[in-house]
Amino acid sequence: METLDSYQTTKSDYYTHCYDLPPQLGGCQIESGSQAARDAVDGIAEGSWSLPLTPDLGGFEPDWTWAGDEGEARKEAVERLTANHASIVSFACRGAGTKGFPRYSAPLADPNAEPNQALIPLVDRVLKKVVSKVSH
């Protein structure tokens, strides 16, 4: 299946598998021997969040080389970030904002959370800087 384009598009990142799906599905258990993968996702593992990032996080993330031209992917990322800038900035500030009601077991995915308004100008500047670096 790994070689099928139709399957490749269903892959996800490991952060989603570790932190978003368990609250949605319920009853998920931590698999024994998974500490190294959790540490890599959380940035605790040596070099896991060091720049430049290694492709597929050194083997912990799915391989996305099948997706094609990196330059085109960068252009699309810039376009999507630019087109949705205000919403993305607000979304990024929810993790430091107030929890919503009713509460969700995945706090960073809480659709009812209120963003921390004080951080919006800072996050706005950071995302603009990212876009300017990626687009060159």
Foldseek 3Di string as FASTA:
>chain_A
DVPDPVVLVVFDWVCCVVQPPCLVPDPDDDDPPCPVLVCLVVVNPPPSPDPPADQLSVVSTDHDPVVDDPLVVLVVVLVVCVVCVVVVLFLVQQLVFAAAPPGGPRSSPRPRGGGDVVCSVVSSVVSVVVSVVSND
